[in-house]
């Protein structure tokens, strides 16, 4: 028979891809033991991947640097429109909703950050950032999954590491259980007929009740337990709090659902989501245009997420990341090409905010990477490592970033204390 829900295993984690029907096997999933829902007093990390290489220079604008305007006569954000962050850098106007977080010291920017590998291939650079092993193409698992493998404090919940999307991303691939959920709301739908429920239930029981390998059975158990916990949390009844107003579109919906999952107290420790559309080779725009539209959406979504969670943000860090930045000089199509260093945001109660972190190399020709790009002065593993250690409590960064000695002496100061 044809089953309208795909369940598949990738790199040891179960990915649940919602296609519009209820997980009808709930009532008969006898081996899915009910686990108690625990309060979310533990720290949480939310990662947003700006896939496609965001232009860090037009996100955190170096408006105090003459070379920025000289090299970008058509796409630079005008100095009189920049929201100043201390004299040299500023937010573009579309990111104005984040200024309040900057002022209350819960938002920091990290500039000139990226991979030490000089590739300008999206695919290679994304893999390097997600595996945490720049220049090594053979790494099979992601750094977030390796963290979960070696730090087992929250291993008793299927929701410890969750990706929002149709498949499990590389960053969560590995032997530690992870979930990929395409649409949280779809889990609340009901079956129209009991007969249909019974047929689908029997089909899932036959598929998973001892018929598969041990790995498949283990992953399916995680999935069944996750669905039971979601059923009790009742995702369809969620309403944002504190006047939070998420923007329309995929990013706003995803951050709303991450907030929903955090407030359901199901044990989320790491949540991951992609937000694409940052490869701006043509007609990038300055104050307006395609990049402005995407960054405006990002600013509204992050501000709504922060407002929605309210006091819970005291235990939450949100980290934006992108595989590399863009060229300093605009191209002939009023866009930018693949570059090297970029900029990232970190926000939340634990963040040492109100500052641009990292060492700024400058935009002078002699200061550029290969004569064209912002130079990397902060290895992304130093930022990620600091968040893992000082926020999540990781004890062995050598296991998370093999071959790289991530040490406190290179931490960028993103976390308070």
Protein backbone atom coordinates (compact mmCIF):
# COMPACT_ATOMS: atom_id res chain seq x y z
CA UNK A 1 0.00 0.00 0.00
CA UNK A 2 1.04 3.63 -0.38
CA UNK A 3 1.74 5.54 2.82
CA UNK A 4 1.50 9.33 2.59
CA UNK A 5 4.18 10.00 5.19
CA UNK A 6 7.85 9.35 4.47
CA UNK A 7 10.03 8.22 7.35
CA UNK A 8 13.68 7.77 6.57
CA UNK A 9 16.99 7.33 8.36
CA UNK A 10 20.02 9.43 7.49
CA UNK A 11 23.35 9.19 9.27
CA UNK A 12 21.82 7.53 12.30
CA UNK A 13 19.07 10.09 12.98
CA UNK A 14 15.39 9.81 12.12
CA UNK A 15 13.99 12.50 9.89
CA UNK A 16 10.23 12.98 9.98
CA UNK A 17 8.99 14.73 6.87
CA UNK A 18 5.45 16.00 7.17
CA UNK A 19 3.44 15.65 3.98
CA UNK A 20 0.09 16.71 5.34
CA UNK A 21 -1.30 13.70 7.26
CA UNK A 22 -1.37 12.81 10.90
CA UNK A 23 1.18 10.24 12.20
CA UNK A 24 -1.62 7.72 12.53
CA UNK A 25 0.49 5.02 14.08
CA UNK A 26 0.49 6.75 17.47
CA UNK A 27 -2.15 4.61 19.15
CA UNK A 28 -0.42 1.35 18.21
CA UNK A 29 3.22 2.34 18.72
CA UNK A 30 3.40 0.21 21.84
CA UNK A 31 7.16 0.36 22.20
CA UNK A 32 7.19 4.16 22.27
CA UNK A 33 7.42 4.72 26.02
CA UNK A 34 6.05 8.02 27.32
CA UNK A 35 8.76 10.15 28.85
CA UNK A 36 8.00 12.99 31.25
CA UNK A 37 8.17 16.50 29.84
CA UNK A 38 10.91 18.44 31.62
CA UNK A 39 11.09 22.20 32.15
CA UNK A 40 13.55 24.02 29.87
CA UNK A 41 15.90 25.23 32.57
CA UNK A 42 18.88 23.98 30.57
CA UNK A 43 20.71 26.13 27.99
CA UNK A 44 19.53 26.08 24.38
CA UNK A 45 21.33 26.93 21.13
CA UNK A 46 19.42 27.96 18.01
CA UNK A 47 21.47 28.01 14.77
CA UNK A 48 20.29 29.83 11.65
CA UNK A 49 22.30 29.08 8.50
CA UNK A 50 22.17 31.93 5.98
CA UNK A 51 22.87 29.51 3.16
CA UNK A 52 24.23 31.14 0.02
CA UNK A 53 26.86 33.47 1.55
CA UNK A 54 25.46 36.62 3.10
CA UNK A 55 27.18 39.94 2.41
CA UNK A 56 28.50 40.74 5.89
CA UNK A 57 29.57 44.22 4.78
CA UNK A 58 26.00 45.22 3.97
CA UNK A 59 24.67 43.52 7.11
CA UNK A 60 27.07 45.02 9.67
CA UNK A 61 28.08 48.10 7.70
CA UNK A 62 31.60 49.56 8.18
CA UNK A 63 30.29 53.06 7.49
CA UNK A 64 33.37 54.60 9.08
CA UNK A 65 35.62 53.18 6.38
CA UNK A 66 36.05 55.21 3.19
CA UNK A 67 37.02 52.16 1.13
CA UNK A 68 33.56 50.66 1.70
CA UNK A 69 31.92 53.51 -0.21
CA UNK A 70 34.68 53.77 -2.80
CA UNK A 71 34.33 50.10 -3.76
CA UNK A 72 30.53 50.05 -3.72
CA UNK A 73 29.21 53.17 -5.46
CA UNK A 74 25.83 51.56 -6.27
CA UNK A 75 25.18 49.06 -3.47
CA UNK A 76 26.69 50.62 -0.32
CA UNK A 77 24.19 51.52 2.40
CA UNK A 78 24.24 55.35 2.62
CA UNK A 79 25.98 56.59 5.74
CA UNK A 80 23.04 58.78 6.75
CA UNK A 81 20.76 55.71 6.77
CA UNK A 82 23.00 53.43 8.83
CA UNK A 83 21.95 52.80 12.43
CA UNK A 84 25.21 53.61 14.19
CA UNK A 85 26.73 51.07 16.58
CA UNK A 86 29.56 53.10 18.00
CA UNK A 87 31.14 55.15 15.23
CA UNK A 88 32.67 52.65 12.80
CA UNK A 89 29.98 49.99 12.27
CA UNK A 90 26.24 50.12 12.02
CA UNK A 91 23.09 48.17 11.22
CA UNK A 92 21.42 48.65 7.87
CA UNK A 93 17.97 50.25 8.31
CA UNK A 94 16.08 46.99 7.73
CA UNK A 95 17.69 45.53 10.85
CA UNK A 96 16.31 48.33 13.05
CA UNK A 97 14.19 45.84 15.09
CA UNK A 98 17.48 44.48 16.49
CA UNK A 99 18.70 47.84 17.84
CA UNK A 100 16.78 47.35 21.09
CA UNK A 101 18.66 44.08 21.67
CA UNK A 102 21.95 45.82 20.95
CA UNK A 103 21.13 48.55 23.45
CA UNK A 104 20.23 46.07 26.21
CA UNK A 105 23.49 44.16 25.56
CA UNK A 106 21.85 40.92 24.39
CA UNK A 107 23.01 41.21 20.75
CA UNK A 108 26.57 41.08 19.46
CA UNK A 109 28.00 41.05 15.96
CA UNK A 110 31.13 39.15 14.99
CA UNK A 111 32.91 40.56 11.92
CA UNK A 112 35.70 39.16 9.75
CA UNK A 113 34.74 35.62 10.74
CA UNK A 114 34.82 32.51 8.58
CA UNK A 115 36.76 29.48 7.50
CA UNK A 116 40.53 29.34 7.17
CA UNK A 117 39.99 27.40 3.94
CA UNK A 118 39.94 29.73 0.94
CA UNK A 119 37.35 27.88 -1.15
CA UNK A 120 34.67 29.93 -2.88
CA UNK A 121 32.52 26.87 -3.58
CA UNK A 122 29.18 27.06 -1.78
CA UNK A 123 29.00 23.30 -1.41
CA UNK A 124 32.49 22.81 -0.01
CA UNK A 125 32.32 25.82 2.32
CA UNK A 126 28.90 24.80 3.67
CA UNK A 127 30.15 21.28 4.33
CA UNK A 128 33.24 22.62 6.10
CA UNK A 129 31.15 24.87 8.34
CA UNK A 130 28.67 22.11 9.17
CA UNK A 131 31.24 19.38 9.75
CA UNK A 132 33.62 21.71 11.56
CA UNK A 133 36.61 20.42 9.60
CA UNK A 134 37.65 23.06 7.03
CA UNK A 135 39.52 21.61 4.07
CA UNK A 136 38.58 18.01 4.92
CA UNK A 137 35.93 16.57 2.62
CA UNK A 138 35.79 13.09 4.16
CA UNK A 139 34.20 14.01 7.51
CA UNK A 140 30.97 12.06 7.82
CA UNK A 141 29.24 13.74 10.75
CA UNK A 142 28.44 17.28 11.84
CA UNK A 143 29.95 19.21 14.74
CA UNK A 144 26.62 19.61 16.53
CA UNK A 145 26.03 15.86 16.34
CA UNK A 146 29.54 15.17 17.65
CA UNK A 147 28.80 17.45 20.58
CA UNK A 148 25.68 15.40 21.31
CA UNK A 149 27.69 12.18 21.04
CA UNK A 150 30.17 13.25 23.72
CA UNK A 151 27.97 15.31 26.07
CA UNK A 152 25.08 13.08 27.08
CA UNK A 153 23.33 15.14 29.77
CA UNK A 154 20.15 15.64 27.73
CA UNK A 155 20.24 12.37 25.80
CA UNK A 156 16.96 11.14 27.32
CA UNK A 157 14.74 13.16 24.98
CA UNK A 158 14.23 12.65 21.23
CA UNK A 159 14.08 16.44 20.89
CA UNK A 160 17.60 17.15 22.04
CA UNK A 161 18.72 18.10 18.50
CA UNK A 162 16.07 19.18 15.99
CA UNK A 163 16.31 20.58 12.47
CA UNK A 164 13.39 22.35 10.85
CA UNK A 165 13.23 21.36 7.21
CA UNK A 166 12.53 18.43 4.87
CA UNK A 167 15.78 16.61 5.63
CA UNK A 168 18.47 16.25 8.24
CA UNK A 169 21.26 18.80 7.64
CA UNK A 170 24.92 17.88 7.64
CA UNK A 171 25.52 19.66 10.94
CA UNK A 172 23.26 17.15 12.75
CA UNK A 173 24.31 14.03 10.82
CA UNK A 174 25.95 11.36 12.93
CA UNK A 175 25.36 8.62 15.47
CA UNK A 176 23.56 10.76 18.05
CA UNK A 177 19.78 10.77 17.44
CA UNK A 178 18.44 13.86 15.69
CA UNK A 179 15.06 14.82 14.26
CA UNK A 180 14.14 16.75 11.13
CA UNK A 181 10.63 18.18 11.14
CA UNK A 182 9.28 19.93 8.08
CA UNK A 183 6.12 21.39 9.65
CA UNK A 184 5.30 21.15 13.32
CA UNK A 185 1.68 22.12 12.76
CA UNK A 186 1.00 19.04 10.63
CA UNK A 187 1.42 16.79 13.65
CA UNK A 188 -1.89 18.00 15.08
CA UNK A 189 -4.05 16.83 12.14
CA UNK A 190 -6.49 13.96 12.62
CA UNK A 191 -7.45 11.06 10.38
CA UNK A 192 -10.86 11.25 8.67
CA UNK A 193 -11.76 7.59 9.15
CA UNK A 194 -10.95 4.97 11.75
CA UNK A 195 -10.52 2.34 9.03
CA UNK A 196 -7.75 4.39 7.44
CA UNK A 197 -6.14 4.78 10.85
CA UNK A 198 -6.07 1.02 11.35
CA UNK A 199 -4.57 0.22 7.96
CA UNK A 200 -1.80 2.77 8.36
CA UNK A 201 -1.14 1.67 11.91
CA UNK A 202 -0.73 -1.94 10.82
CA UNK A 203 1.56 -0.90 7.98
CA UNK A 204 3.89 0.99 10.33
CA UNK A 205 3.88 -1.84 12.84
CA UNK A 206 4.84 -4.32 10.14
CA UNK A 207 7.57 -2.00 8.89
CA UNK A 208 9.23 -1.33 12.23
CA UNK A 209 8.31 -4.17 14.59
CA UNK A 210 11.52 -6.18 14.34
CA UNK A 211 11.60 -6.14 10.54
CA UNK A 212 14.42 -3.62 10.13
CA UNK A 213 17.98 -3.41 11.36
CA UNK A 214 18.83 -2.42 14.91
CA UNK A 215 19.69 1.07 13.77
CA UNK A 216 16.39 1.53 12.01
CA UNK A 217 14.45 0.24 15.00
CA UNK A 218 16.31 2.57 17.33
CA UNK A 219 15.65 5.57 15.12
CA UNK A 220 11.98 4.73 14.66
CA UNK A 221 11.59 4.54 18.44
CA UNK A 222 12.99 8.05 18.75
CA UNK A 223 10.52 9.19 16.12
CA UNK A 224 7.50 7.57 17.72
CA UNK A 225 8.39 9.02 21.11
CA UNK A 226 8.82 12.45 19.57
CA UNK A 227 5.40 12.31 17.95
CA UNK A 228 3.73 11.24 21.21
CA UNK A 229 5.34 14.16 23.02
CA UNK A 230 4.22 16.55 20.30
CA UNK A 231 0.69 15.21 20.50
CA UNK A 232 0.57 16.03 24.20
CA UNK A 233 2.02 19.49 23.54
CA UNK A 234 -0.74 20.09 20.93
CA UNK A 235 1.11 22.26 18.38
CA UNK A 236 -2.07 23.49 16.68
CA UNK A 237 -3.06 25.53 19.74
CA UNK A 238 0.09 27.66 19.91
CA UNK A 239 -0.18 31.44 20.14
CA UNK A 240 2.82 33.78 20.26
CA UNK A 241 3.17 35.76 23.48
CA UNK A 242 4.22 39.24 24.59
CA UNK A 243 2.86 40.86 21.43
CA UNK A 244 5.35 39.05 19.19
CA UNK A 245 4.51 39.45 15.51
CA UNK A 246 6.43 37.06 13.25
CA UNK A 247 6.85 38.15 9.62
CA UNK A 248 5.15 36.09 6.91
CA UNK A 249 7.28 33.58 5.05
CA UNK A 250 9.33 30.51 5.82
CA UNK A 251 11.79 32.10 8.26
CA UNK A 252 9.12 33.66 10.47
CA UNK A 253 7.16 30.42 10.54
CA UNK A 254 10.27 28.40 11.38
CA UNK A 255 11.31 30.64 14.28
CA UNK A 256 7.75 30.62 15.60
CA UNK A 257 7.82 26.82 15.60
CA UNK A 258 11.21 26.72 17.31
CA UNK A 259 9.80 29.01 20.01
CA UNK A 260 6.79 26.73 20.26
CA UNK A 261 8.97 23.66 20.71
CA UNK A 262 11.11 25.37 23.35
CA UNK A 263 8.03 26.43 25.32
CA UNK A 264 6.59 22.91 25.06
CA UNK A 265 9.41 21.84 27.42
CA UNK A 266 10.28 18.69 25.49
CA UNK A 267 14.02 18.99 26.11
CA UNK A 268 15.32 20.90 23.07
CA UNK A 269 19.01 21.72 23.41
CA UNK A 270 20.00 22.45 19.78
CA UNK A 271 17.62 23.70 17.09
CA UNK A 272 18.76 24.30 13.52
CA UNK A 273 17.14 25.99 10.55
CA UNK A 274 18.16 27.06 7.07
CA UNK A 275 17.24 30.44 5.64
CA UNK A 276 18.32 30.73 2.02
CA UNK A 277 18.46 33.46 -0.60
CA UNK A 278 21.78 35.20 0.14
CA UNK A 279 23.69 34.60 -3.12
CA UNK A 280 23.45 38.14 -4.49
CA UNK A 281 25.45 38.21 -7.72
CA UNK A 282 22.98 40.49 -9.53
CA UNK A 283 21.02 43.56 -8.38
CA UNK A 284 21.89 43.17 -4.74
CA UNK A 285 20.61 46.63 -3.88
CA UNK A 286 21.65 49.01 -1.12
CA UNK A 287 18.94 50.31 1.22
CA UNK A 288 16.37 48.53 -0.92
CA UNK A 289 16.51 45.46 -3.13
CA UNK A 290 16.73 41.71 -2.65
CA UNK A 291 19.32 41.74 0.15
CA UNK A 292 17.42 44.44 2.00
CA UNK A 293 14.24 42.37 1.80
CA UNK A 294 15.91 39.25 3.18
CA UNK A 295 17.66 41.12 6.01
CA UNK A 296 14.47 42.97 6.92
CA UNK A 297 12.74 39.60 7.27
CA UNK A 298 15.65 38.32 9.38
CA UNK A 299 15.50 41.33 11.71
CA UNK A 300 11.74 41.08 12.20
CA UNK A 301 11.88 37.32 12.78
CA UNK A 302 14.70 37.49 15.33
CA UNK A 303 13.04 40.36 17.21
CA UNK A 304 9.71 38.47 17.29
CA UNK A 305 11.42 35.29 18.52
CA UNK A 306 13.13 37.22 21.31
CA UNK A 307 9.87 38.89 22.35
CA UNK A 308 7.88 35.66 22.14
CA UNK A 309 10.22 33.74 24.44
CA UNK A 310 10.46 36.58 26.93
CA UNK A 311 12.21 35.46 30.16
CA UNK A 312 13.12 32.13 28.55
CA UNK A 313 15.71 33.97 26.46
CA UNK A 314 17.89 34.03 29.59
CA UNK A 315 18.85 30.44 28.67
CA UNK A 316 18.84 30.78 24.87
CA UNK A 317 21.55 31.76 22.40
CA UNK A 318 20.69 32.36 18.75
CA UNK A 319 23.61 32.18 16.32
CA UNK A 320 23.52 33.14 12.65
CA UNK A 321 26.11 31.69 10.30
CA UNK A 322 26.98 31.70 6.62
CA UNK A 323 29.58 29.78 4.63
CA UNK A 324 31.54 32.86 3.49
CA UNK A 325 31.05 36.51 2.65
CA UNK A 326 31.09 38.57 -0.55
CA UNK A 327 33.71 40.55 -2.42
CA UNK A 328 34.50 44.03 -1.16
CA UNK A 329 34.12 45.52 -4.62
CA UNK A 330 30.72 45.38 -6.29
CA UNK A 331 30.62 43.63 -9.65
CA UNK A 332 29.36 44.87 -13.02
CA UNK A 333 25.85 43.57 -12.32
CA UNK A 334 25.34 45.68 -9.19
CA UNK A 335 25.96 42.61 -7.07
CA UNK A 336 28.82 40.90 -5.28
CA UNK A 337 30.69 37.68 -5.94
CA UNK A 338 31.88 34.93 -3.61
CA UNK A 339 34.30 36.25 -1.00
CA UNK A 340 35.97 35.09 2.20
CA UNK A 341 35.13 36.50 5.66
CA UNK A 342 31.57 37.45 6.62
CA UNK A 343 29.67 38.64 9.70
CA UNK A 344 27.50 36.74 12.18
CA UNK A 345 25.03 37.63 14.92
CA UNK A 346 24.78 36.13 18.39
CA UNK A 347 21.83 37.09 20.56
CA UNK A 348 20.22 36.02 23.81
CA UNK A 349 20.47 36.47 27.56
CA UNK A 350 23.93 34.87 27.87
CA UNK A 351 25.44 37.07 25.14
CA UNK A 352 28.05 39.71 25.96
CA UNK A 353 26.35 42.13 23.62
CA UNK A 354 26.36 45.74 22.57
CA UNK A 355 29.64 45.35 20.68
CA UNK A 356 31.20 44.19 17.43
CA UNK A 357 33.50 41.33 18.33
CA UNK A 358 36.57 40.02 16.57
CA UNK A 359 39.55 41.84 15.09
CA UNK A 360 38.64 44.08 12.16
CA UNK A 361 41.35 43.77 9.46
CA UNK A 362 40.31 46.83 7.47
CA UNK A 363 39.38 47.15 3.81
CA UNK A 364 42.61 48.57 2.44
CA UNK A 365 44.03 46.69 -0.54
CA UNK A 366 47.02 45.47 1.47
CA UNK A 367 44.69 44.20 4.20
CA UNK A 368 42.50 42.07 1.94
CA UNK A 369 42.50 38.34 1.40
CA UNK A 370 43.93 37.65 -2.06
CA UNK A 371 43.56 41.36 -2.82
CA UNK A 372 39.75 41.25 -3.03
CA UNK A 373 38.01 39.98 0.11
CA UNK A 374 37.61 40.73 3.80
CA UNK A 375 40.28 38.67 5.57
CA UNK A 376 39.29 36.07 8.15
CA UNK A 377 40.63 37.06 11.56
CA UNK A 378 38.30 34.81 13.62
CA UNK A 379 38.05 31.11 12.83
CA UNK A 380 34.38 30.14 13.07
CA UNK A 381 35.36 27.22 15.33
CA UNK A 382 36.54 29.65 17.99
CA UNK A 383 33.09 31.27 18.16
CA UNK A 384 31.20 27.97 17.93
CA UNK A 385 33.56 26.42 20.49
CA UNK A 386 33.04 29.26 22.95
CA UNK A 387 29.27 28.88 22.74
CA UNK A 388 29.54 25.11 23.22
CA UNK A 389 31.81 25.46 26.27
CA UNK A 390 30.53 28.56 28.03
CA UNK A 391 26.86 28.20 27.14
CA UNK A 392 26.10 24.51 26.64
CA UNK A 393 28.83 23.24 28.97
CA UNK A 394 30.87 21.14 26.54
CA UNK A 395 33.98 19.63 28.08
CA UNK A 396 35.87 18.19 25.09
CA UNK A 397 36.19 20.47 22.07
CA UNK A 398 38.82 18.15 20.64
CA UNK A 399 36.09 15.60 20.01
CA UNK A 400 33.81 18.23 18.44
CA UNK A 401 36.43 19.88 16.20
CA UNK A 402 38.96 17.12 15.46
CA UNK A 403 42.37 18.31 14.41
CA UNK A 404 41.81 21.84 15.78
CA UNK A 405 42.88 23.03 19.21
CA UNK A 406 40.00 25.34 20.04
CA UNK A 407 41.12 27.07 23.23
CA UNK A 408 39.78 29.78 25.52
CA UNK A 409 42.63 32.08 24.49
CA UNK A 410 40.99 32.43 21.07
CA UNK A 411 37.38 32.69 22.22
CA UNK A 412 35.90 35.94 20.95
CA UNK A 413 34.13 36.99 24.17
CA UNK A 414 30.60 36.34 22.96
CA UNK A 415 29.34 34.75 26.19
CA UNK A 416 29.10 36.64 29.47
CA UNK A 417 31.33 35.62 32.35
